[in-house]
Amino acid sequence: MATGTAVDVVMPQMGVSVSEGTIIRWAKQVGETVEADETLLEISTDKVDTEVPSPASGTVSEILVQEGETVEVGTVLARIGGAPAAPVPYDEPAAPAPEAEAPAAPAVAPPPEPARPQPEAAAPSGNGRSFVSPVVARIAAEHGIDPTTVPGTGGGGRVTKKDIQAFLAAGAPAAPAPSQAPAPEPEPEVAPALAAAPAPAQARPEPQAPALGETLEPMSAMRRGIAEHMRRSLDTAAHVTSAIEVDMSKVVAIREKLKKEYQSAYGVNPTYLSFIARAATETLRDYPWVNGEIRGDRIVTKNFVNLGFAVELADGKGLIVPVVKNAETLNLLGMAKAIADIAKRAREKQLTPDDVVGGSFTITNPGGYGTFHGTPVISQPQSGILGTYAIVKRPWVITDENGADAIAIRSMMNLTLTYDHRLVDGALAGRFLRDLRERLQGWGESDY
């Protein structure tokens, strides 16, 4: 319901390990009305991108954190209802402007003369933009930029991530300003040496500036998280991939039989992935090391199977691995429902960080695009990831009821298992794939 009292919209706690988030988009602007539970903004963390619903109905009176800014959990992002109070926090910081007169005191007393550069460096804070987000501070430090020299478009003139990236892309002389500050302090003969220093500092952003035909695009928090996790996995695990061919003809026939029933009665499509996930879960119970992990110098095995499924997000610019917990308790119908649910919530940005943690084994399904082989990267700290690929009709040698060999057209699929060779040996991985193949090729009525 609408309220006359201002309601704060804060950066939510998106999981125990998430300490900050980045504003991707404001769905509502100042002056626009919003209903309770209607999407107000989108945020990105290193784990998920998600929509944040409005905590109340009313008019958006303030937006305190702009798109592209990264702030800590609990930070007030906006206010709904009440009288706008944006000018207050930004008028007050202007008061320190008289501090610019501070150099007068050291001017009377010659001994403190070396301290003069400090007030000069601090003087820009009088414009109300002394606060910058951690991501802006990091970018500024990497490029030797004084953030107060960057024109800010955020609330009260704050410098946003977009501002500093635009500043770099424009090739603005970021480094000379700080280098000129200490120039008056040394003797004149030292100044030429310092004057030469800005050249390499100015050159640093140039390799990152777009050349003709190129476009700069900042990494999202999710993409940075993916990059870090993939690199860490390759640095941690000894990746080895084994592959096997599977005759999926029985699964194809049973799926066709169940498809109409499942869709009409339960509103769910029994995909090939649900069959493979069900068979993989049963096989993992016989191979606890493939479902386990290395923790320090110990091997951890589990009496449950938490299956992660790699899901592509819009435009291929994101990948997330939501987890179906306790998959061993699900039959084929339950597995199909669970996979459909997490895939839908992932694409609609309705997942929470708790939905993407705790996996013990992962399945990735690039076969939906026609690929027939791959070498996936293990999701740490797991020990294995199963790749499923396109089902293709091919001639295949079979043995008939009389024991004679014959060539038949069969629906074939390749499966790959990428495993951590520190824990899983090639022979163990081979037996796992063999047993998984037998379950899929021998699928019967009792496996529903």
Protein backbone atom coordinates (compact mmCIF):
# COMPACT_ATOMS: atom_id res chain seq x y z
CA MET A 1 0.00 0.00 0.00
CA ALA A 2 1.09 3.59 -0.58
CA THR A 3 2.71 5.44 2.27
CA GLY A 4 3.41 9.11 3.02
CA THR A 5 6.51 8.21 4.97
CA ALA A 6 9.68 7.66 2.99
CA VAL A 7 10.63 3.99 2.65
CA ASP A 8 14.30 3.18 2.13
CA VAL A 9 15.28 0.74 -0.62
CA VAL A 10 18.55 -0.92 0.43
CA MET A 11 21.04 -3.19 -1.31
CA PRO A 12 19.73 -6.63 -0.27
CA GLN A 13 21.80 -9.42 1.24
CA MET A 14 21.99 -11.81 -1.71
CA GLY A 15 23.59 -14.71 0.14
CA VAL A 16 26.02 -15.25 2.98
CA SER A 17 29.14 -14.77 0.85
CA VAL A 18 27.88 -11.73 -1.10
CA SER A 19 29.02 -8.38 0.34
CA GLU A 20 28.26 -5.95 -2.50
CA GLY A 21 26.24 -5.49 -5.66
CA THR A 22 26.23 -3.38 -8.81
CA ILE A 23 23.20 -1.48 -10.09
CA ILE A 24 22.48 -2.70 -13.64
CA ARG A 25 19.25 -0.81 -14.38
CA TRP A 26 16.61 1.26 -12.68
CA ALA A 27 13.17 0.17 -13.89
CA LYS A 28 11.63 3.30 -12.36
CA GLN A 29 12.93 6.86 -12.25
CA VAL A 30 12.38 9.73 -9.81
CA GLY A 31 8.78 10.90 -10.00
CA GLU A 32 7.42 7.62 -11.34
CA THR A 33 5.01 5.49 -9.33
CA VAL A 34 5.75 1.90 -8.38
CA GLU A 35 3.61 -0.83 -6.83
CA ALA A 36 4.75 -3.04 -3.98
CA ASP A 37 6.58 -6.12 -5.30
CA GLU A 38 6.87 -4.57 -8.78
CA THR A 39 10.40 -4.68 -10.21
CA LEU A 40 12.20 -1.50 -9.15
CA LEU A 41 15.76 -2.23 -10.26
CA GLU A 42 18.17 -4.94 -11.38
CA ILE A 43 21.39 -5.69 -9.55
CA SER A 44 24.38 -7.86 -10.35
CA THR A 45 26.65 -9.73 -7.97
CA ASP A 46 29.50 -12.11 -8.68
CA LYS A 47 26.99 -14.96 -8.36
CA VAL A 48 23.68 -13.88 -9.89
CA ASP A 49 21.89 -11.08 -11.74
CA THR A 50 18.49 -10.51 -10.19
CA GLU A 51 15.53 -8.14 -10.11
CA VAL A 52 14.75 -6.33 -6.86
CA PRO A 53 11.07 -5.75 -6.09
CA SER A 54 9.82 -2.52 -4.54
CA PRO A 55 9.27 -2.81 -0.76
CA ALA A 56 6.27 -0.43 -0.93
CA SER A 57 3.85 1.34 -3.24
CA GLY A 58 4.33 5.02 -3.96
CA THR A 59 6.35 7.53 -5.91
CA VAL A 60 10.10 7.20 -6.30
CA SER A 61 11.29 10.34 -4.52
CA GLU A 62 15.06 9.73 -4.63
CA ILE A 63 17.62 7.59 -6.42
CA LEU A 64 20.85 7.72 -4.45
CA VAL A 65 22.97 5.17 -6.33
CA GLN A 66 23.25 5.40 -10.09
CA GLU A 67 23.48 2.65 -12.71
CA GLY A 68 26.95 1.16 -12.89
CA GLU A 69 27.83 1.92 -9.26
CA THR A 70 28.85 -0.85 -6.87
CA VAL A 71 27.91 -0.51 -3.21
CA GLU A 72 27.94 -2.66 -0.10
CA VAL A 73 25.00 -4.65 1.24
CA GLY A 74 22.74 -2.43 3.36
CA THR A 75 23.47 0.77 1.41
CA VAL A 76 20.37 2.90 0.82
CA LEU A 77 19.77 2.89 -2.95
CA ALA A 78 16.57 4.92 -3.23
CA ARG A 79 13.56 6.18 -1.33
CA ILE A 80 9.87 5.75 -2.05
CA GLY A 81 7.39 8.35 -0.82
CA GLY A 82 8.10 11.21 1.56
CA ALA A 83 9.68 14.51 0.58
CA PRO A 84 12.84 14.41 -1.54
CA ALA A 85 15.88 14.87 0.62
CA ALA A 86 18.60 14.50 -1.97
CA PRO A 87 20.00 18.03 -1.58
CA VAL A 88 20.72 17.58 2.14
CA PRO A 89 23.56 15.08 1.96
CA TYR A 90 25.20 16.97 -0.87
CA ASP A 91 24.80 20.54 0.45
CA GLU A 92 26.49 19.64 3.71
CA PRO A 93 29.77 18.37 2.23
CA ALA A 94 30.16 21.80 0.58
CA ALA A 95 30.86 23.26 4.03
CA PRO A 96 34.45 21.96 4.10
CA ALA A 97 35.23 24.43 1.26
CA PRO A 98 36.72 26.92 3.77
CA GLU A 99 39.35 24.26 4.43
CA ALA A 100 40.97 25.53 1.25
CA GLU A 101 42.07 28.49 3.39
CA ALA A 102 44.02 26.12 5.62
CA PRO A 103 47.28 26.78 3.71
CA ALA A 104 47.23 30.31 5.18
CA ALA A 105 48.27 28.95 8.58
CA PRO A 106 51.33 27.06 7.29
CA ALA A 107 52.21 30.17 5.23
CA VAL A 108 52.72 32.16 8.46
CA ALA A 109 54.91 29.48 9.99
CA PRO A 110 57.65 28.55 7.48
CA PRO A 111 58.70 25.23 9.13
CA PRO A 112 55.51 23.29 8.11
CA GLU A 113 56.00 24.39 4.44
CA PRO A 114 56.25 20.74 3.12
CA ALA A 115 52.71 20.04 4.31
CA ARG A 116 51.23 22.45 1.73
CA PRO A 117 50.59 19.83 -0.98
CA GLN A 118 48.19 17.96 1.34
CA PRO A 119 45.49 20.67 1.41
CA GLU A 120 45.85 21.08 -2.35
CA ALA A 121 45.16 17.37 -2.89
CA ALA A 122 42.22 17.47 -0.51
CA ALA A 123 40.70 20.62 -1.95
CA PRO A 124 38.68 18.83 -4.69
CA SER A 125 36.70 17.02 -1.96
CA GLY A 126 34.91 20.27 -1.32
CA ASN A 127 32.77 19.71 -4.40
CA GLY A 128 30.74 17.03 -2.65
CA ARG A 129 32.29 14.13 -4.61
CA SER A 130 34.75 12.92 -2.00
CA PHE A 131 32.92 9.56 -1.73
CA VAL A 132 33.49 7.06 -4.51
CA SER A 133 32.43 3.43 -4.67
CA PRO A 134 35.05 0.69 -4.21
CA VAL A 135 34.98 -0.18 -7.92
CA VAL A 136 35.60 3.45 -8.93
CA ALA A 137 38.43 3.74 -6.40
CA ARG A 138 40.02 0.56 -7.76
CA ILE A 139 39.87 1.71 -11.40
CA ALA A 140 41.27 5.11 -10.42
CA ALA A 141 44.16 3.52 -8.52
CA GLU A 142 44.99 1.18 -11.42
CA HIS A 143 45.31 4.10 -13.83
CA GLY A 144 46.82 6.70 -11.53
CA ILE A 145 43.74 8.90 -11.66
CA ASP A 146 42.56 11.34 -9.01
CA PRO A 147 38.79 10.58 -8.94
CA THR A 148 38.01 14.20 -8.01
CA THR A 149 39.29 15.34 -11.42
CA VAL A 150 36.70 13.19 -13.22
CA PRO A 151 33.38 14.90 -14.08
CA GLY A 152 30.67 13.09 -12.14
CA THR A 153 27.09 12.45 -13.25
CA GLY A 154 25.95 10.59 -10.14
CA GLY A 155 23.83 12.00 -7.36
CA GLY A 156 25.40 15.19 -5.99
CA GLY A 157 28.10 15.01 -8.65
CA ARG A 158 29.48 11.65 -7.52
CA VAL A 159 31.75 9.83 -9.93
CA THR A 160 30.20 6.61 -11.22
CA LYS A 161 31.85 3.64 -12.85
CA LYS A 162 30.55 4.82 -16.23
CA ASP A 163 32.08 8.27 -15.64
CA ILE A 164 35.58 6.99 -14.99
CA GLN A 165 35.40 4.50 -17.90
CA ALA A 166 34.31 7.31 -20.22
CA PHE A 167 37.15 9.44 -18.86
CA LEU A 168 39.65 6.70 -19.77
CA ALA A 169 38.08 5.99 -23.15
CA ALA A 170 38.34 9.68 -24.05
CA GLY A 171 42.08 9.50 -23.45
CA ALA A 172 41.91 12.34 -20.93
CA PRO A 173 45.26 13.16 -19.27
CA ALA A 174 44.51 11.45 -15.98
CA ALA A 175 47.98 11.08 -14.53
CA PRO A 176 49.54 14.55 -14.99
CA ALA A 177 47.28 16.19 -12.38
CA PRO A 178 48.61 14.18 -9.42
CA SER A 179 52.16 14.33 -10.78
CA GLN A 180 52.07 18.13 -10.94
CA ALA A 181 51.05 18.46 -7.29
CA PRO A 182 54.45 17.48 -5.86
CA ALA A 183 56.28 19.52 -8.58
CA PRO A 184 56.47 22.79 -6.54
CA GLU A 185 58.01 20.95 -3.59
CA PRO A 186 61.43 19.97 -5.08
CA GLU A 187 64.07 22.33 -6.44
CA PRO A 188 63.63 23.54 -10.05
CA GLU A 189 66.35 21.24 -11.36
CA VAL A 190 64.37 18.18 -10.20
CA ALA A 191 61.16 19.34 -11.90
CA PRO A 192 62.21 18.25 -15.42
CA ALA A 193 62.63 14.68 -14.23
CA LEU A 194 59.14 14.73 -12.76
CA ALA A 195 57.76 16.34 -15.88
CA ALA A 196 58.91 13.37 -17.90
CA ALA A 197 57.07 10.94 -15.63
CA PRO A 198 53.52 11.61 -16.93
CA ALA A 199 54.37 10.21 -20.35
CA PRO A 200 54.27 6.52 -19.36
CA ALA A 201 51.31 7.21 -17.08
CA GLN A 202 49.38 8.71 -20.00
CA ALA A 203 50.34 5.77 -22.19
CA ARG A 204 48.88 3.19 -19.78
CA PRO A 205 45.21 3.60 -20.78
CA GLU A 206 46.03 3.60 -24.50
CA PRO A 207 46.13 -0.21 -24.98
CA GLN A 208 42.65 -0.36 -23.39
CA ALA A 209 41.22 2.43 -25.53
CA PRO A 210 39.16 1.15 -28.48
CA ALA A 211 40.85 1.17 -31.85
CA LEU A 212 38.96 1.81 -35.07
CA GLY A 213 36.12 -0.69 -35.32
CA GLU A 214 36.38 -1.75 -31.67
CA THR A 215 33.95 -1.15 -28.83
CA LEU A 216 34.75 -1.10 -25.13
CA GLU A 217 32.32 -2.94 -22.89
CA PRO A 218 32.83 -3.21 -19.13
CA MET A 219 32.67 -6.66 -17.56
CA SER A 220 29.60 -7.29 -15.46
CA ALA A 221 30.02 -8.57 -11.91
CA MET A 222 28.73 -11.95 -13.08
CA ARG A 223 31.22 -12.15 -15.96
CA ARG A 224 34.08 -11.22 -13.63
CA GLY A 225 32.93 -13.97 -11.27
CA ILE A 226 32.78 -16.51 -14.11
CA ALA A 227 36.26 -15.52 -15.32
CA GLU A 228 37.73 -15.81 -11.84
CA HIS A 229 36.06 -19.14 -11.15
CA MET A 230 37.09 -20.72 -14.46
CA ARG A 231 40.69 -19.60 -14.06
CA ARG A 232 40.80 -20.82 -10.47
CA SER A 233 39.38 -24.20 -11.50
CA LEU A 234 42.05 -24.71 -14.15
CA ASP A 235 44.72 -23.67 -11.65
CA THR A 236 43.34 -26.07 -9.02
CA ALA A 237 42.14 -29.29 -10.66
CA ALA A 238 43.98 -31.68 -12.98
CA HIS A 239 41.45 -31.67 -15.83
CA VAL A 240 41.05 -34.83 -17.93
CA THR A 241 38.15 -35.61 -20.28
CA SER A 242 36.85 -39.04 -21.34
CA ALA A 243 34.03 -39.64 -23.83
CA ILE A 244 31.60 -42.43 -24.69
CA GLU A 245 28.93 -43.05 -27.35
CA VAL A 246 25.43 -43.92 -26.18
CA ASP A 247 22.55 -45.44 -28.17
CA MET A 248 19.62 -43.29 -27.02
CA SER A 249 17.01 -45.10 -29.13
CA LYS A 250 15.07 -46.47 -26.12
CA VAL A 251 15.08 -43.08 -24.41
CA VAL A 252 13.85 -41.43 -27.62
CA ALA A 253 10.95 -43.89 -27.85
CA ILE A 254 9.96 -43.59 -24.18
CA ARG A 255 10.16 -39.78 -24.31
CA GLU A 256 7.78 -39.71 -27.27
CA LYS A 257 5.40 -41.93 -25.33
CA LEU A 258 5.50 -39.75 -22.19
CA LYS A 259 5.66 -36.31 -23.78
CA LYS A 260 1.93 -35.78 -24.36
CA GLU A 261 1.00 -37.18 -20.94
CA TYR A 262 3.54 -35.06 -19.04
CA GLN A 263 2.62 -31.88 -20.90
CA SER A 264 -1.16 -32.26 -20.54
CA ALA A 265 -1.26 -33.58 -16.98
CA TYR A 266 1.72 -31.82 -15.40
CA GLY A 267 2.61 -28.96 -17.75
CA VAL A 268 6.20 -30.13 -18.10
CA ASN A 269 8.27 -31.37 -21.04
CA PRO A 270 10.32 -34.54 -20.35
CA THR A 271 13.53 -33.37 -22.03
CA TYR A 272 16.41 -35.67 -22.84
CA LEU A 273 18.34 -33.81 -20.15
CA SER A 274 15.91 -35.03 -17.49
CA PHE A 275 16.51 -38.65 -18.55
CA ILE A 276 20.28 -38.19 -18.44
CA ALA A 277 20.11 -36.39 -15.08
CA ARG A 278 18.03 -39.20 -13.60
CA ALA A 279 20.44 -41.87 -14.88
CA ALA A 280 23.50 -39.85 -13.80
CA THR A 281 22.12 -39.45 -10.28
CA GLU A 282 21.67 -43.21 -9.92
CA THR A 283 25.16 -43.83 -11.30
CA LEU A 284 26.77 -41.25 -9.00
CA ARG A 285 25.49 -43.14 -5.97
CA ASP A 286 27.76 -46.01 -7.06
CA TYR A 287 30.74 -43.69 -7.60
CA PRO A 288 31.04 -41.45 -4.52
CA TRP A 289 34.45 -40.07 -5.55
CA VAL A 290 33.02 -38.71 -8.80
CA ASN A 291 30.38 -37.03 -6.61
CA GLY A 292 32.96 -36.00 -4.01
CA GLU A 293 35.63 -33.38 -3.57
CA ILE A 294 39.12 -32.80 -2.22
CA ARG A 295 39.15 -30.64 0.91
CA GLY A 296 42.71 -29.91 1.95
CA ASP A 297 44.40 -33.29 2.20
CA ARG A 298 41.14 -35.19 2.73
CA ILE A 299 38.57 -36.74 0.41
CA VAL A 300 34.96 -35.76 1.07
CA THR A 301 32.18 -38.12 -0.02
CA LYS A 302 28.46 -37.40 0.24
CA ASN A 303 25.31 -39.44 0.72
CA PHE A 304 23.34 -36.99 -1.45
CA VAL A 305 23.52 -35.76 -5.03
CA ASN A 306 23.10 -32.03 -5.60
CA LEU A 307 23.00 -31.62 -9.37
CA GLY A 308 24.06 -28.34 -10.94
CA PHE A 309 22.85 -27.44 -14.45
CA ALA A 310 24.67 -24.89 -16.59
CA VAL A 311 22.10 -22.39 -17.91
CA GLU A 312 22.88 -19.76 -20.55
CA LEU A 313 21.43 -16.33 -19.90
CA ALA A 314 20.18 -13.80 -22.47
CA ASP A 315 22.40 -13.09 -25.47
CA GLY A 316 25.04 -15.51 -24.27
CA LYS A 317 26.49 -12.86 -21.95
CA GLY A 318 26.08 -14.86 -18.80
CA LEU A 319 26.20 -18.40 -17.50
CA ILE A 320 24.80 -19.59 -14.22
CA VAL A 321 24.68 -23.02 -12.57
CA PRO A 322 21.57 -23.41 -10.39
CA VAL A 323 21.45 -26.55 -8.28
CA VAL A 324 18.74 -29.18 -7.81
CA LYS A 325 19.23 -30.27 -4.21
CA ASN A 326 18.84 -33.93 -3.21
CA ALA A 327 18.31 -35.12 -6.77
CA GLU A 328 18.44 -38.72 -5.56
CA THR A 329 14.92 -38.27 -4.12
CA LEU A 330 13.38 -37.39 -7.51
CA ASN A 331 11.84 -39.70 -10.09
CA LEU A 332 11.80 -38.81 -13.80
CA LEU A 333 8.76 -36.53 -13.47
CA GLY A 334 10.22 -34.77 -10.42
CA MET A 335 13.53 -34.28 -12.21
CA ALA A 336 11.83 -32.82 -15.29
CA LYS A 337 9.87 -30.38 -13.10
CA ALA A 338 12.94 -29.34 -11.12
CA ILE A 339 15.05 -28.69 -14.23
CA ALA A 340 12.27 -26.66 -15.87
CA ASP A 341 11.81 -24.60 -12.70
CA ILE A 342 15.45 -23.63 -12.19
CA ALA A 343 15.96 -22.88 -15.89
CA LYS A 344 12.91 -20.60 -15.94
CA ARG A 345 13.91 -18.77 -12.76
CA ALA A 346 17.49 -18.38 -14.02
CA ARG A 347 16.37 -16.73 -17.27
CA GLU A 348 13.87 -14.51 -15.46
CA LYS A 349 16.50 -13.43 -12.91
CA GLN A 350 14.56 -14.90 -10.00
CA LEU A 351 17.39 -17.00 -8.54
CA THR A 352 19.05 -16.23 -5.22
CA PRO A 353 22.68 -17.03 -4.34
CA ASP A 354 21.42 -19.97 -2.28
CA ASP A 355 20.12 -21.53 -5.52
CA VAL A 356 23.62 -21.66 -7.02
CA VAL A 357 25.65 -23.10 -4.15
CA GLY A 358 26.06 -26.57 -2.69
CA GLY A 359 26.35 -28.53 -5.94
CA SER A 360 28.19 -31.85 -5.82
CA PHE A 361 28.21 -32.59 -9.60
CA THR A 362 27.34 -30.57 -12.71
CA ILE A 363 25.75 -31.31 -16.08
CA THR A 364 26.20 -29.00 -19.07
CA ASN A 365 24.13 -29.40 -22.22
CA PRO A 366 25.70 -27.70 -25.27
CA GLY A 367 24.19 -30.43 -27.45
CA GLY A 368 21.06 -28.35 -27.78
CA TYR A 369 22.99 -26.28 -30.34
CA GLY A 370 24.17 -29.29 -32.34
CA THR A 371 27.65 -29.75 -30.84
CA PHE A 372 28.90 -33.32 -30.55
CA HIS A 373 31.92 -33.00 -28.26
CA GLY A 374 33.48 -30.70 -25.67
CA THR A 375 35.82 -30.43 -22.68
CA PRO A 376 33.89 -28.53 -19.96
CA VAL A 377 35.62 -26.88 -17.00
CA ILE A 378 34.90 -28.34 -13.57
CA SER A 379 32.90 -26.21 -11.15
CA GLN A 380 34.98 -25.98 -7.99
CA PRO A 381 35.19 -27.66 -5.55
CA GLN A 382 33.48 -30.52 -7.41
CA SER A 383 35.39 -33.38 -9.03
CA GLY A 384 33.42 -33.89 -12.23
CA ILE A 385 31.18 -32.35 -14.89
CA LEU A 386 29.15 -34.29 -17.46
CA GLY A 387 28.75 -32.93 -20.99
CA THR A 388 25.72 -33.97 -23.05
CA TYR A 389 25.68 -33.50 -26.82
CA ALA A 390 23.43 -33.64 -29.86
CA ILE A 391 21.43 -36.78 -30.61
CA VAL A 392 22.22 -37.75 -34.20
CA LYS A 393 20.86 -40.64 -36.25
CA ARG A 394 23.75 -42.76 -37.49
CA PRO A 395 24.33 -46.27 -38.84
CA TRP A 396 25.32 -48.47 -35.93
CA VAL A 397 26.32 -52.10 -35.58
CA ILE A 398 23.87 -54.02 -33.38
CA THR A 399 23.48 -57.66 -32.42
CA ASP A 400 20.08 -59.17 -33.22
CA GLU A 401 18.20 -61.78 -31.19
CA ASN A 402 20.05 -64.54 -32.99
CA GLY A 403 23.45 -63.14 -32.08
CA ALA A 404 24.18 -61.94 -35.60
CA ASP A 405 25.61 -58.49 -36.29
CA ALA A 406 23.54 -56.06 -38.31
CA ILE A 407 23.66 -52.40 -39.27
CA ALA A 408 20.77 -50.28 -38.07
CA ILE A 409 19.92 -46.58 -37.87
CA ARG A 410 20.16 -45.56 -34.23
CA SER A 411 19.82 -42.30 -32.29
CA MET A 412 23.34 -41.76 -30.97
CA MET A 413 24.69 -39.28 -28.43
CA ASN A 414 28.19 -38.55 -27.16
CA LEU A 415 28.70 -38.02 -23.44
CA THR A 416 31.88 -36.58 -21.92
CA LEU A 417 33.08 -36.68 -18.34
CA THR A 418 35.65 -34.08 -17.34
CA TYR A 419 37.12 -35.09 -14.00
CA ASP A 420 39.76 -34.01 -11.52
CA HIS A 421 42.57 -36.53 -11.96
CA ARG A 422 43.84 -35.72 -8.47
CA LEU A 423 40.90 -37.76 -7.16
CA VAL A 424 39.33 -39.62 -10.09
CA ASP A 425 41.51 -41.99 -12.12
CA GLY A 426 40.86 -42.74 -15.77
CA ALA A 427 39.71 -46.28 -15.05
CA LEU A 428 37.15 -45.05 -12.50
CA ALA A 429 35.90 -42.42 -14.95
CA GLY A 430 35.62 -45.08 -17.67
CA ARG A 431 33.54 -47.37 -15.46
CA PHE A 432 31.28 -44.46 -14.51
CA LEU A 433 30.62 -43.67 -18.18
CA ARG A 434 30.10 -47.35 -19.00
CA ASP A 435 27.48 -47.77 -16.25
CA LEU A 436 25.77 -44.54 -17.21
CA ARG A 437 25.56 -45.74 -20.81
CA GLU A 438 24.05 -49.07 -19.72
CA ARG A 439 21.35 -47.29 -17.74
CA LEU A 440 20.41 -45.10 -20.68
CA GLN A 441 20.50 -47.87 -23.27
CA GLY A 442 18.52 -50.23 -21.04
CA TRP A 443 15.89 -47.69 -19.92
CA GLY A 444 12.67 -49.46 -18.96
CA GLU A 445 9.27 -48.92 -17.36
CA SER A 446 10.70 -49.21 -13.83
CA ASP A 447 13.06 -46.25 -14.42
CA TYR A 448 10.31 -43.65 -14.60
